[in-house]
Each structure stands twice: as C-alpha cells, then as structure tokens.
Amino acid sequence: MDALGCPRYSDYYHSRAIVTQNHKGGTGKSTTSGALAVAAALDMHLNARTLLIEWDPQGSIGSGMIQSVAEDDVFLTAIDAILGVYEEDSDYKKYLDLGYSEEEIIESMPFSTHLPNLDVITAFPTDARFKDKYWQCSREERTELLLRFKEVILPVLKKKYGLIIIDTPPEDSPITWAADEAADGILVAVSPREYDYASTTDFMLTISERFKQSPSKGENLRWFKVLAVNVDDKSPYEKIVLDKLVRTVQELFMSANIKNSEAFKAAASRGRTVLDIKKSEELCSPKQLDVAEESVMAVYQQFINEIKSFSVKERSNA
C-alpha cells in the first residue's frame, strides 16, 4: 500500500496498545485478540502496521501465526525483554554484552506472519518467572519492573506499529499488571454464561481499586470496553445474561458482539483465525463461517473506530 502512495495509519493517528483481558480463562479472549489483529492487518483502508503480543505464558495463538523460522532464530518474549537486564545468563543480556543497544534488540523481536503488515511476539511457559522475580523485589524494584515495558520497550515498538494488541493471561498477577501499565486501552472479553458474568462482575469491581494502587494510577488508560463473545442469539438464557451484563457495565458495553460458531474451533485447531480460512477448505459449514466472519468484522469496525476516536494526531494548518 505504501508503494501505491496510500496514506498510512501513522500519518493521522497515534500508535495505541490495547490489552485484551479477563481473569477467567476460556472466555474467548485469545481468539478475539487474534481475530482483531488479523482484521486490522487485512484492512487496506486502515493501512496500519499491526503487532500481536502474546503475554500469556501458556498461550499459543502467536506462535501459530509465524510464517517461517530459521534454525538459528532466537525467540525473545516481552517478558525476556523486561527481565533481560536483570538476568546475567539470558539471551537478551548476551546481546547487550555483544554491543547491541536495547532498541536494536527490541526491534528484532517480532516475527513476520502470513500477512505483510502483521507481526507477532510470542510467549513461552518460562515467562511465568516474572511473578517470582516480582515478589522477590523491594517495593522500588517492583515499580521498576512494572514500568519497564511501558517506559523502555513499548516506545520502540510504537515507532513501527500503529496498533499493538496484547493478549494477557487469565489471572490477576504481576505479569498482567505490567501489561496494564503500558495499556492505552483495555478490552474485556466475556461469554454470556452465568459463571463468566459473575467472574467479570467481580473483575470490574476490583480493577478500579487495583489501578489506584498501581504506579500509573490508571491515568494511562484512555479507553475501556466490555465485549460479549461466543454469543448464541437463539438462546433465551444467554439473552438474560447479556441484559444483566448491559445493566452492570452500561456505557462500557460494546454494542457489537462475536457470535458462537464452529468456525472458531476449526480455525483454532489449525493455528489460524476465522478470517484466514476459506469455504473451499470445508473445515466447517459455509453458514457457520459466514456467521463468524460477519460478527468479527462488525466488532472490528466498532473497535477500530473507537480506537481512532482518541488517537487522532493534531495536524498543522500550515
């Protein structure tokens, strides 16, 4: 698109980091993260460089998107970059000792995917060590750890990517707090099930208090929304739960939602999103794929319009 002279997203909008979150697992959060990242990358009118950061040590959506890996490629996760300066035997520290700057190391961390303007940074189970490191630190050191991604790593990534989506683990722990500190916005994905509703309600009641205790006091957040996913429009029970959810979160609730469809499971089993599969592959019924794609795109359009609304750059009249 750049070769055709089309305007870039970064020409008009500031780069934003959006964290997808829910402290309960199995809500469809990772599926949502991947689908929104791919939708943004496929949006030719948006023309934005998009980065998906896998923050969950148990996640796999990012690694499934990587196009190719050479034998000598070194995987560095976001947590590796945060802890690398503290760990003498880490790959990150070794690169620093070889004379590379932090900016050079961070710029080389993302891997390319099947889409030219979508890159990913994966996570590994070893990232869980962040929590151990955090609890071993003094109060001042804990603050430094929580802010390192925001103050050192993210600014480098924002120079290249207009939209950064961070898929966090289903837990309320230091590893999630570090992502929240860097977030410009938070998207809470919730399924219309009674137990998911109860968990999300508890989450909404506690998150404001937690942000008050955080280094940034939540002042970094410009946007916060709740998204219903895995919705079955034919279920009277789910409609009742959705109504309860709307009454609880009110204006924070996104009007569009992601529907329940077999296509999501079919795509996930192959490490892809529903926007990456074709009807000719016969992985699910054509109708199920239509339902999935249409709902994802409806959510994406609302999502990206809302992100744009607080990201416009001030332009000179000269």
C-alpha atoms as a PDB file:
ATOM      1  CA  MET A   1       0.000   0.000   0.000  1.00  0.00           C
ATOM      2  CA  ASP A   2       2.884   2.360   0.722  1.00  0.00           C
ATOM      3  CA  ALA A   3       4.219   1.748  -2.790  1.00  0.00           C
ATOM      4  CA  LEU A   4       0.879   2.918  -4.189  1.00  0.00           C
ATOM      5  CA  GLY A   5       1.137   6.153  -2.253  1.00  0.00           C
ATOM      6  CA  CYS A   6      -1.778   5.343   0.047  1.00  0.00           C
ATOM      7  CA  PRO A   7      -1.884   7.259   3.342  1.00  0.00           C
ATOM      8  CA  ARG A   8      -0.603   5.328   6.325  1.00  0.00           C
ATOM      9  CA  TYR A   9      -2.462   4.962   9.603  1.00  0.00           C
ATOM     10  CA  SER A  10       0.515   6.520  11.378  1.00  0.00           C
ATOM     11  CA  ASP A  11       0.153   9.682   9.277  1.00  0.00           C
ATOM     12  CA  TYR A  12      -3.075  10.553  11.059  1.00  0.00           C
ATOM     13  CA  TYR A  13      -3.212   8.532  14.277  1.00  0.00           C
ATOM     14  CA  HIS A  14      -1.024   7.889  17.294  1.00  0.00           C
ATOM     15  CA  SER A  15       0.090   4.322  17.965  1.00  0.00           C
ATOM     16  CA  ARG A  16      -2.007   2.587  20.628  1.00  0.00           C
ATOM     17  CA  ALA A  17      -1.529  -0.509  22.778  1.00  0.00           C
ATOM     18  CA  ILE A  18      -4.743  -2.359  23.600  1.00  0.00           C
ATOM     19  CA  VAL A  19      -4.740  -5.098  26.236  1.00  0.00           C
ATOM     20  CA  THR A  20      -7.343  -7.871  25.985  1.00  0.00           C
ATOM     21  CA  GLN A  21      -8.144  -9.162  29.414  1.00  0.00           C
ATOM     22  CA  ASN A  22     -10.287 -11.292  31.676  1.00  0.00           C
ATOM     23  CA  HIS A  23      -9.163 -13.021  34.833  1.00  0.00           C
ATOM     24  CA  LYS A  24     -11.275 -16.053  33.943  1.00  0.00           C
ATOM     25  CA  GLY A  25      -9.978 -18.499  31.360  1.00  0.00           C
ATOM     26  CA  GLY A  26     -11.962 -19.853  28.428  1.00  0.00           C
ATOM     27  CA  THR A  27     -13.838 -16.628  27.703  1.00  0.00           C
ATOM     28  CA  GLY A  28     -12.626 -16.328  24.101  1.00  0.00           C
ATOM     29  CA  LYS A  29     -10.102 -13.608  24.881  1.00  0.00           C
ATOM     30  CA  SER A  30      -7.208 -15.035  22.845  1.00  0.00           C
ATOM     31  CA  THR A  31      -9.475 -15.853  19.910  1.00  0.00           C
ATOM     32  CA  THR A  32     -10.695 -12.259  19.993  1.00  0.00           C
ATOM     33  CA  SER A  33      -7.142 -10.883  20.140  1.00  0.00           C
ATOM     34  CA  GLY A  34      -6.049 -12.872  17.111  1.00  0.00           C
ATOM     35  CA  ALA A  35      -9.167 -12.071  15.092  1.00  0.00           C
ATOM     36  CA  LEU A  36      -8.911  -8.320  15.729  1.00  0.00           C
ATOM     37  CA  ALA A  37      -5.206  -8.297  14.858  1.00  0.00           C
ATOM     38  CA  VAL A  38      -5.818 -10.108  11.566  1.00  0.00           C
ATOM     39  CA  ALA A  39      -8.826  -7.907  10.761  1.00  0.00           C
ATOM     40  CA  ALA A  40      -6.697  -4.796  11.242  1.00  0.00           C
ATOM     41  CA  ALA A  41      -3.933  -6.222   9.069  1.00  0.00           C
ATOM     42  CA  LEU A  42      -6.436  -7.039   6.310  1.00  0.00           C
ATOM     43  CA  ASP A  43      -7.941  -3.549   6.416  1.00  0.00           C
ATOM     44  CA  MET A  44      -6.342  -1.909   3.395  1.00  0.00           C
ATOM     45  CA  HIS A  45      -8.019   1.423   4.105  1.00  0.00           C
ATOM     46  CA  LEU A  46      -6.520   1.441   7.601  1.00  0.00           C
ATOM     47  CA  ASN A  47      -3.033   0.663   6.249  1.00  0.00           C
ATOM     48  CA  ALA A  48      -1.594   0.138   9.725  1.00  0.00           C
ATOM     49  CA  ARG A  49       1.355  -1.930  10.859  1.00  0.00           C
ATOM     50  CA  THR A  50      -0.122  -4.262  13.469  1.00  0.00           C
ATOM     51  CA  LEU A  51       1.630  -6.207  16.224  1.00  0.00           C
ATOM     52  CA  LEU A  52       0.119  -9.018  18.292  1.00  0.00           C
ATOM     53  CA  ILE A  53       1.984  -9.611  21.553  1.00  0.00           C
ATOM     54  CA  GLU A  54       1.289 -12.883  23.293  1.00  0.00           C
ATOM     55  CA  TRP A  55       1.611 -12.174  27.015  1.00  0.00           C
ATOM     56  CA  ASP A  56       0.184 -15.453  28.319  1.00  0.00           C
ATOM     57  CA  PRO A  57       2.940 -17.981  29.225  1.00  0.00           C
ATOM     58  CA  GLN A  58       0.514 -20.767  28.284  1.00  0.00           C
ATOM     59  CA  GLY A  59      -0.650 -19.138  25.050  1.00  0.00           C
ATOM     60  CA  SER A  60      -0.125 -20.460  21.542  1.00  0.00           C
ATOM     61  CA  ILE A  61      -2.026 -18.161  19.182  1.00  0.00           C
ATOM     62  CA  GLY A  62       1.043 -16.080  18.308  1.00  0.00           C
ATOM     63  CA  SER A  63       3.376 -18.969  17.548  1.00  0.00           C
ATOM     64  CA  GLY A  64       0.798 -20.455  15.173  1.00  0.00           C
ATOM     65  CA  MET A  65       0.884 -17.305  13.039  1.00  0.00           C
ATOM     66  CA  ILE A  66       4.637 -17.217  12.445  1.00  0.00           C
ATOM     67  CA  GLN A  67       5.349 -17.682   8.750  1.00  0.00           C
ATOM     68  CA  SER A  68       8.794 -19.278   8.913  1.00  0.00           C
ATOM     69  CA  VAL A  69      11.553 -19.882  11.440  1.00  0.00           C
ATOM     70  CA  ALA A  70      15.232 -20.479  10.705  1.00  0.00           C
ATOM     71  CA  GLU A  71      17.305 -22.891  12.772  1.00  0.00           C
ATOM     72  CA  ASP A  72      19.370 -20.078  14.253  1.00  0.00           C
ATOM     73  CA  ASP A  73      16.414 -17.796  15.076  1.00  0.00           C
ATOM     74  CA  VAL A  74      16.238 -16.745  18.723  1.00  0.00           C
ATOM     75  CA  PHE A  75      12.819 -16.229  20.276  1.00  0.00           C
ATOM     76  CA  LEU A  76      12.677 -13.318  22.695  1.00  0.00           C
ATOM     77  CA  THR A  77       9.407 -12.704  24.501  1.00  0.00           C
ATOM     78  CA  ALA A  78       8.156  -9.462  26.020  1.00  0.00           C
ATOM     79  CA  ILE A  79       8.988 -10.880  29.445  1.00  0.00           C
ATOM     80  CA  ASP A  80      12.504 -11.768  28.247  1.00  0.00           C
ATOM     81  CA  ALA A  81      12.944  -8.110  27.316  1.00  0.00           C
ATOM     82  CA  ILE A  82      11.669  -6.920  30.691  1.00  0.00           C
ATOM     83  CA  LEU A  83      13.823  -9.286  32.746  1.00  0.00           C
ATOM     84  CA  GLY A  84      16.800  -9.475  30.386  1.00  0.00           C
ATOM     85  CA  VAL A  85      18.780  -6.670  32.018  1.00  0.00           C
ATOM     86  CA  TYR A  86      18.494  -8.407  35.384  1.00  0.00           C
ATOM     87  CA  GLU A  87      19.412 -11.937  34.259  1.00  0.00           C
ATOM     88  CA  GLU A  88      23.121 -12.448  33.620  1.00  0.00           C
ATOM     89  CA  ASP A  89      22.715 -15.659  31.607  1.00  0.00           C
ATOM     90  CA  SER A  90      19.784 -14.517  29.450  1.00  0.00           C
ATOM     91  CA  ASP A  91      19.901 -14.274  25.653  1.00  0.00           C
ATOM     92  CA  TYR A  92      18.822 -10.643  25.994  1.00  0.00           C
ATOM     93  CA  LYS A  93      21.786  -9.839  28.242  1.00  0.00           C
ATOM     94  CA  LYS A  94      24.146 -11.673  25.882  1.00  0.00           C
ATOM     95  CA  TYR A  95      23.077  -9.417  23.008  1.00  0.00           C
ATOM     96  CA  LEU A  96      23.656  -6.373  25.195  1.00  0.00           C
ATOM     97  CA  ASP A  97      27.132  -7.650  26.053  1.00  0.00           C
ATOM     98  CA  LEU A  98      27.839  -8.076  22.326  1.00  0.00           C
ATOM     99  CA  GLY A  99      27.261  -4.353  21.868  1.00  0.00           C
ATOM    100  CA  TYR A 100      23.680  -4.264  20.597  1.00  0.00           C
ATOM    101  CA  SER A 101      21.521  -1.480  22.002  1.00  0.00           C
ATOM    102  CA  GLU A 102      18.200  -2.246  23.656  1.00  0.00           C
ATOM    103  CA  GLU A 103      16.423  -0.541  20.773  1.00  0.00           C
ATOM    104  CA  GLU A 104      18.146  -2.806  18.240  1.00  0.00           C
ATOM    105  CA  ILE A 105      17.248  -5.925  20.222  1.00  0.00           C
ATOM    106  CA  ILE A 106      13.623  -4.886  20.697  1.00  0.00           C
ATOM    107  CA  GLU A 107      13.210  -4.013  17.010  1.00  0.00           C
ATOM    108  CA  SER A 108      14.321  -7.524  16.044  1.00  0.00           C
ATOM    109  CA  MET A 109      11.986  -9.373  18.427  1.00  0.00           C
ATOM    110  CA  PRO A 110       8.800  -9.564  16.294  1.00  0.00           C
ATOM    111  CA  PHE A 111       8.335 -12.373  13.771  1.00  0.00           C
ATOM    112  CA  SER A 112       6.569 -11.942  10.438  1.00  0.00           C
ATOM    113  CA  THR A 113       3.300 -13.736   9.684  1.00  0.00           C
ATOM    114  CA  HIS A 114       1.320 -14.693   6.578  1.00  0.00           C
ATOM    115  CA  LEU A 115       0.231 -11.043   6.332  1.00  0.00           C
ATOM    116  CA  PRO A 116       2.860  -8.447   5.377  1.00  0.00           C
ATOM    117  CA  ASN A 117       1.700  -5.836   7.893  1.00  0.00           C
ATOM    118  CA  LEU A 118       1.085  -8.179  10.848  1.00  0.00           C
ATOM    119  CA  ASP A 119       3.902  -9.318  13.142  1.00  0.00           C
ATOM    120  CA  VAL A 120       3.840 -11.271  16.395  1.00  0.00           C
ATOM    121  CA  ILE A 121       5.875 -11.580  19.564  1.00  0.00           C
ATOM    122  CA  THR A 122       5.278 -14.949  21.160  1.00  0.00           C
ATOM    123  CA  ALA A 123       5.268 -16.073  24.783  1.00  0.00           C
ATOM    124  CA  PHE A 124       6.746 -19.155  26.430  1.00  0.00           C
ATOM    125  CA  PRO A 125       5.988 -21.030  29.678  1.00  0.00           C
ATOM    126  CA  THR A 126       9.253 -19.704  31.126  1.00  0.00           C
ATOM    127  CA  ASP A 127       7.692 -16.221  31.130  1.00  0.00           C
ATOM    128  CA  ALA A 128       5.907 -17.221  34.341  1.00  0.00           C
ATOM    129  CA  ARG A 129       9.195 -16.496  36.138  1.00  0.00           C
ATOM    130  CA  PHE A 130       8.246 -12.822  36.057  1.00  0.00           C
ATOM    131  CA  LYS A 131       5.951 -13.393  39.031  1.00  0.00           C
ATOM    132  CA  ASP A 132       8.732 -14.993  41.084  1.00  0.00           C
ATOM    133  CA  LYS A 133      11.094 -12.140  40.268  1.00  0.00           C
ATOM    134  CA  TYR A 134       8.476  -9.552  41.197  1.00  0.00           C
ATOM    135  CA  TRP A 135       7.718 -10.972  44.631  1.00  0.00           C
ATOM    136  CA  GLN A 136      11.433 -11.215  45.423  1.00  0.00           C
ATOM    137  CA  CYS A 137      11.964  -7.495  44.794  1.00  0.00           C
ATOM    138  CA  SER A 138      11.750  -4.495  47.072  1.00  0.00           C
ATOM    139  CA  ARG A 139       8.901  -2.008  46.656  1.00  0.00           C
ATOM    140  CA  GLU A 140      11.032   0.283  44.479  1.00  0.00           C
ATOM    141  CA  GLU A 141      12.279  -2.602  42.343  1.00  0.00           C
ATOM    142  CA  ARG A 142       8.718  -3.858  41.839  1.00  0.00           C
ATOM    143  CA  THR A 143       7.684  -0.480  40.465  1.00  0.00           C
ATOM    144  CA  GLU A 144      10.684  -0.515  38.134  1.00  0.00           C
ATOM    145  CA  LEU A 145       9.707  -3.972  36.859  1.00  0.00           C
ATOM    146  CA  LEU A 146       6.087  -2.985  36.239  1.00  0.00           C
ATOM    147  CA  LEU A 147       7.111   0.131  34.326  1.00  0.00           C
ATOM    148  CA  ARG A 148       9.969  -1.273  32.244  1.00  0.00           C
ATOM    149  CA  PHE A 149       7.766  -2.479  29.378  1.00  0.00           C
ATOM    150  CA  LYS A 150       5.881   0.818  29.288  1.00  0.00           C
ATOM    151  CA  GLU A 151       8.916   3.091  29.522  1.00  0.00           C
ATOM    152  CA  VAL A 152      11.633   1.189  27.639  1.00  0.00           C
ATOM    153  CA  ILE A 153      10.214  -1.498  25.358  1.00  0.00           C
ATOM    154  CA  LEU A 154       6.836  -0.220  24.151  1.00  0.00           C
ATOM    155  CA  PRO A 155       8.132   3.164  22.877  1.00  0.00           C
ATOM    156  CA  VAL A 156      10.452   1.298  20.499  1.00  0.00           C
ATOM    157  CA  LEU A 157       7.609  -0.875  19.206  1.00  0.00           C
ATOM    158  CA  LYS A 158       5.278   2.103  18.805  1.00  0.00           C
ATOM    159  CA  LYS A 159       7.710   3.691  16.371  1.00  0.00           C
ATOM    160  CA  LYS A 160       6.982   0.845  13.933  1.00  0.00           C
ATOM    161  CA  TYR A 161       3.451  -0.312  14.749  1.00  0.00           C
ATOM    162  CA  GLY A 162       0.265   1.737  14.718  1.00  0.00           C
ATOM    163  CA  LEU A 163      -1.821  -0.846  16.554  1.00  0.00           C
ATOM    164  CA  ILE A 164      -0.470  -3.185  19.224  1.00  0.00           C
ATOM    165  CA  ILE A 165      -2.754  -5.846  20.713  1.00  0.00           C
ATOM    166  CA  ILE A 166      -1.562  -7.567  23.891  1.00  0.00           C
ATOM    167  CA  ASP A 167      -3.218 -10.863  24.842  1.00  0.00           C
ATOM    168  CA  THR A 168      -2.818 -11.337  28.603  1.00  0.00           C
ATOM    169  CA  PRO A 169      -3.152 -14.476  30.761  1.00  0.00           C
ATOM    170  CA  PRO A 170      -6.378 -15.201  32.683  1.00  0.00           C
ATOM    171  CA  GLU A 171      -5.048 -14.122  36.064  1.00  0.00           C
ATOM    172  CA  ASP A 172      -4.721 -11.116  38.348  1.00  0.00           C
ATOM    173  CA  SER A 173      -0.975 -11.159  38.927  1.00  0.00           C
ATOM    174  CA  PRO A 174       2.169  -9.043  38.393  1.00  0.00           C
ATOM    175  CA  ILE A 175       2.603 -10.317  34.830  1.00  0.00           C
ATOM    176  CA  THR A 176      -0.811  -8.863  33.942  1.00  0.00           C
ATOM    177  CA  TRP A 177      -0.182  -5.661  35.894  1.00  0.00           C
ATOM    178  CA  ALA A 178       2.921  -4.968  33.783  1.00  0.00           C
ATOM    179  CA  ALA A 179       0.806  -5.115  30.611  1.00  0.00           C
ATOM    180  CA  ASP A 180      -1.892  -2.919  32.142  1.00  0.00           C
ATOM    181  CA  GLU A 181       0.677  -0.252  32.999  1.00  0.00           C
ATOM    182  CA  ALA A 182       1.500   0.055  29.291  1.00  0.00           C
ATOM    183  CA  ALA A 183      -2.087  -0.069  28.026  1.00  0.00           C
ATOM    184  CA  ASP A 184      -3.779   2.806  26.263  1.00  0.00           C
ATOM    185  CA  GLY A 185      -6.974   0.769  26.393  1.00  0.00           C
ATOM    186  CA  ILE A 186      -8.385  -2.440  27.840  1.00  0.00           C
ATOM    187  CA  LEU A 187     -10.874  -4.763  26.147  1.00  0.00           C
ATOM    188  CA  VAL A 188     -12.580  -7.261  28.453  1.00  0.00           C
ATOM    189  CA  ALA A 189     -13.922 -10.305  26.594  1.00  0.00           C
ATOM    190  CA  VAL A 190     -16.751 -12.163  28.327  1.00  0.00           C
ATOM    191  CA  SER A 191     -19.045 -15.019  27.311  1.00  0.00           C
ATOM    192  CA  PRO A 192     -22.760 -14.702  28.187  1.00  0.00           C
ATOM    193  CA  ARG A 193     -22.667 -17.518  30.738  1.00  0.00           C
ATOM    194  CA  GLU A 194     -23.694 -17.042  34.353  1.00  0.00           C
ATOM    195  CA  TYR A 195     -20.305 -18.084  35.750  1.00  0.00           C
ATOM    196  CA  ASP A 196     -18.475 -15.835  33.265  1.00  0.00           C
ATOM    197  CA  TYR A 197     -20.793 -12.978  34.184  1.00  0.00           C
ATOM    198  CA  ALA A 198     -20.131 -13.463  37.896  1.00  0.00           C
ATOM    199  CA  SER A 199     -16.374 -13.573  37.353  1.00  0.00           C
ATOM    200  CA  THR A 200     -16.405 -10.492  35.142  1.00  0.00           C
ATOM    201  CA  THR A 201     -18.557  -8.592  37.640  1.00  0.00           C
ATOM    202  CA  ASP A 202     -16.008  -9.315  40.371  1.00  0.00           C
ATOM    203  CA  PHE A 203     -13.246  -8.226  37.999  1.00  0.00           C
ATOM    204  CA  MET A 204     -14.983  -4.924  37.241  1.00  0.00           C
ATOM    205  CA  LEU A 205     -15.478  -4.239  40.950  1.00  0.00           C
ATOM    206  CA  THR A 206     -11.822  -4.781  41.802  1.00  0.00           C
ATOM    207  CA  ILE A 207      -9.966  -3.378  38.791  1.00  0.00           C
ATOM    208  CA  SER A 208     -10.542   0.284  39.641  1.00  0.00           C
ATOM    209  CA  GLU A 209      -9.143  -0.241  43.130  1.00  0.00           C
ATOM    210  CA  ARG A 210      -6.146  -2.112  41.736  1.00  0.00           C
ATOM    211  CA  PHE A 211      -5.385   0.697  39.298  1.00  0.00           C
ATOM    212  CA  LYS A 212      -5.461   3.201  42.157  1.00  0.00           C
ATOM    213  CA  GLN A 213      -2.626   1.212  43.741  1.00  0.00           C
ATOM    214  CA  SER A 214      -0.610   0.907  40.515  1.00  0.00           C
ATOM    215  CA  PRO A 215       2.372   3.131  39.638  1.00  0.00           C
ATOM    216  CA  SER A 216       0.412   4.986  36.935  1.00  0.00           C
ATOM    217  CA  LYS A 217      -2.812   5.112  38.994  1.00  0.00           C
ATOM    218  CA  GLY A 218      -4.696   4.115  35.840  1.00  0.00           C
ATOM    219  CA  GLU A 219      -4.039   7.512  34.273  1.00  0.00           C
ATOM    220  CA  ASN A 220      -2.531   5.792  31.220  1.00  0.00           C
ATOM    221  CA  LEU A 221      -5.940   4.393  30.210  1.00  0.00           C
ATOM    222  CA  ARG A 222      -7.885   6.249  27.538  1.00  0.00           C
ATOM    223  CA  TRP A 223     -10.389   3.514  26.712  1.00  0.00           C
ATOM    224  CA  PHE A 224     -12.088   0.613  28.497  1.00  0.00           C
ATOM    225  CA  LYS A 225     -14.789  -1.588  26.989  1.00  0.00           C
ATOM    226  CA  VAL A 226     -16.513  -4.927  27.601  1.00  0.00           C
ATOM    227  CA  LEU A 227     -17.138  -7.207  24.612  1.00  0.00           C
ATOM    228  CA  ALA A 228     -19.527 -10.157  24.553  1.00  0.00           C
ATOM    229  CA  VAL A 229     -18.087 -13.148  22.691  1.00  0.00           C
ATOM    230  CA  ASN A 230     -19.264 -16.654  21.837  1.00  0.00           C
ATOM    231  CA  VAL A 231     -22.845 -15.358  21.729  1.00  0.00           C
ATOM    232  CA  ASP A 232     -25.748 -17.602  20.687  1.00  0.00           C
ATOM    233  CA  ASP A 233     -28.570 -15.297  19.575  1.00  0.00           C
ATOM    234  CA  LYS A 234     -31.058 -18.176  19.702  1.00  0.00           C
ATOM    235  CA  SER A 235     -30.527 -18.828  23.405  1.00  0.00           C
ATOM    236  CA  PRO A 236     -33.111 -17.127  25.669  1.00  0.00           C
ATOM    237  CA  TYR A 237     -30.863 -17.837  28.646  1.00  0.00           C
ATOM    238  CA  GLU A 238     -27.923 -16.005  27.082  1.00  0.00           C
ATOM    239  CA  LYS A 239     -30.128 -13.006  26.310  1.00  0.00           C
ATOM    240  CA  ILE A 240     -30.962 -12.784  30.009  1.00  0.00           C
ATOM    241  CA  VAL A 241     -27.270 -12.861  30.932  1.00  0.00           C
ATOM    242  CA  LEU A 242     -26.462 -10.257  28.262  1.00  0.00           C
ATOM    243  CA  ASP A 243     -29.156  -7.962  29.652  1.00  0.00           C
ATOM    244  CA  LYS A 244     -27.646  -8.329  33.128  1.00  0.00           C
ATOM    245  CA  LEU A 245     -24.222  -7.544  31.703  1.00  0.00           C
ATOM    246  CA  VAL A 246     -25.504  -4.401  29.969  1.00  0.00           C
ATOM    247  CA  ARG A 247     -27.139  -3.175  33.184  1.00  0.00           C
ATOM    248  CA  THR A 248     -23.905  -3.786  35.077  1.00  0.00           C
ATOM    249  CA  VAL A 249     -21.335  -2.159  32.765  1.00  0.00           C
ATOM    250  CA  GLN A 250     -23.739   0.218  30.980  1.00  0.00           C
ATOM    251  CA  GLU A 251     -21.919   2.556  28.549  1.00  0.00           C
ATOM    252  CA  LEU A 252     -18.783   0.405  28.734  1.00  0.00           C
ATOM    253  CA  PHE A 253     -20.574  -2.382  26.826  1.00  0.00           C
ATOM    254  CA  MET A 254     -19.840  -2.699  23.097  1.00  0.00           C
ATOM    255  CA  SER A 255     -22.999  -2.977  21.007  1.00  0.00           C
ATOM    256  CA  ALA A 256     -21.449  -5.424  18.522  1.00  0.00           C
ATOM    257  CA  ASN A 257     -20.549  -8.940  19.657  1.00  0.00           C
ATOM    258  CA  ILE A 258     -18.815 -12.055  18.388  1.00  0.00           C
ATOM    259  CA  LYS A 259     -21.169 -14.935  17.657  1.00  0.00           C
ATOM    260  CA  ASN A 260     -20.846 -18.573  18.599  1.00  0.00           C
ATOM    261  CA  SER A 261     -19.685 -20.586  15.582  1.00  0.00           C
ATOM    262  CA  GLU A 262     -17.983 -23.881  14.809  1.00  0.00           C
ATOM    263  CA  ALA A 263     -15.652 -21.898  12.548  1.00  0.00           C
ATOM    264  CA  PHE A 264     -13.679 -20.591  15.537  1.00  0.00           C
ATOM    265  CA  LYS A 265     -12.838 -24.103  16.720  1.00  0.00           C
ATOM    266  CA  ALA A 266     -11.984 -25.219  13.183  1.00  0.00           C
ATOM    267  CA  ALA A 267      -9.638 -22.273  12.689  1.00  0.00           C
ATOM    268  CA  ALA A 268      -8.027 -22.609  16.128  1.00  0.00           C
ATOM    269  CA  SER A 269      -7.258 -26.285  15.521  1.00  0.00           C
ATOM    270  CA  ARG A 270      -5.037 -25.146  12.645  1.00  0.00           C
ATOM    271  CA  GLY A 271      -3.465 -22.193  14.402  1.00  0.00           C
ATOM    272  CA  ARG A 272      -5.457 -19.673  12.376  1.00  0.00           C
ATOM    273  CA  THR A 273      -8.297 -17.209  12.798  1.00  0.00           C
ATOM    274  CA  VAL A 274     -11.681 -17.389  11.075  1.00  0.00           C
ATOM    275  CA  LEU A 275     -10.513 -14.675   8.689  1.00  0.00           C
ATOM    276  CA  ASP A 276      -7.724 -16.968   7.476  1.00  0.00           C
ATOM    277  CA  ILE A 277      -9.813 -19.943   6.352  1.00  0.00           C
ATOM    278  CA  LYS A 278     -11.811 -20.447   3.160  1.00  0.00           C
ATOM    279  CA  LYS A 279     -15.103 -22.155   2.488  1.00  0.00           C
ATOM    280  CA  SER A 280     -13.372 -24.353  -0.086  1.00  0.00           C
ATOM    281  CA  GLU A 281     -11.348 -25.949   2.729  1.00  0.00           C
ATOM    282  CA  GLU A 282     -14.605 -27.362   4.133  1.00  0.00           C
ATOM    283  CA  LEU A 283     -13.422 -27.044   7.725  1.00  0.00           C
ATOM    284  CA  CYS A 284     -16.963 -26.098   8.747  1.00  0.00           C
ATOM    285  CA  SER A 285     -20.256 -25.299   7.055  1.00  0.00           C
ATOM    286  CA  PRO A 286     -20.311 -22.182   4.840  1.00  0.00           C
ATOM    287  CA  LYS A 287     -23.065 -20.709   7.002  1.00  0.00           C
ATOM    288  CA  GLN A 288     -21.010 -21.125  10.177  1.00  0.00           C
ATOM    289  CA  LEU A 289     -18.046 -19.391   8.552  1.00  0.00           C
ATOM    290  CA  ASP A 290     -20.275 -16.523   7.397  1.00  0.00           C
ATOM    291  CA  VAL A 291     -21.628 -16.086  10.928  1.00  0.00           C
ATOM    292  CA  ALA A 292     -18.115 -15.990  12.380  1.00  0.00           C
ATOM    293  CA  GLU A 293     -16.629 -13.634   9.796  1.00  0.00           C
ATOM    294  CA  GLU A 294     -19.553 -11.204   9.813  1.00  0.00           C
ATOM    295  CA  SER A 295     -19.577 -10.916  13.596  1.00  0.00           C
ATOM    296  CA  VAL A 296     -15.803 -10.458  13.802  1.00  0.00           C
ATOM    297  CA  MET A 297     -15.892  -7.702  11.196  1.00  0.00           C
ATOM    298  CA  ALA A 298     -18.797  -5.949  12.930  1.00  0.00           C
ATOM    299  CA  VAL A 299     -16.840  -5.937  16.190  1.00  0.00           C
ATOM    300  CA  TYR A 300     -13.667  -4.863  14.407  1.00  0.00           C
ATOM    301  CA  GLN A 301     -15.363  -1.865  12.774  1.00  0.00           C
ATOM    302  CA  GLN A 302     -16.688  -0.631  16.106  1.00  0.00           C
ATOM    303  CA  PHE A 303     -13.357  -1.397  17.796  1.00  0.00           C
ATOM    304  CA  ILE A 304     -11.151   0.435  15.294  1.00  0.00           C
ATOM    305  CA  ASN A 305     -13.482   3.447  15.081  1.00  0.00           C
ATOM    306  CA  GLU A 306     -13.359   3.825  18.851  1.00  0.00           C
ATOM    307  CA  ILE A 307      -9.558   3.493  18.895  1.00  0.00           C
ATOM    308  CA  LYS A 308      -9.299   6.144  16.186  1.00  0.00           C
ATOM    309  CA  SER A 309     -11.534   8.486  18.179  1.00  0.00           C
ATOM    310  CA  PHE A 310      -8.897   9.025  20.881  1.00  0.00           C
ATOM    311  CA  SER A 311      -5.821   8.662  18.672  1.00  0.00           C
ATOM    312  CA  VAL A 312      -6.065  11.494  16.131  1.00  0.00           C
ATOM    313  CA  LYS A 313      -2.852  13.459  15.679  1.00  0.00           C
ATOM    314  CA  GLU A 314      -3.003  17.224  15.762  1.00  0.00           C
ATOM    315  CA  ARG A 315      -2.075  18.451  12.317  1.00  0.00           C
ATOM    316  CA  SER A 316      -0.596  21.800  11.422  1.00  0.00           C
ATOM    317  CA  ASN A 317      -2.670  24.092   9.204  1.00  0.00           C
ATOM    318  CA  ALA A 318       0.482  25.349   7.547  1.00  0.00           C
END
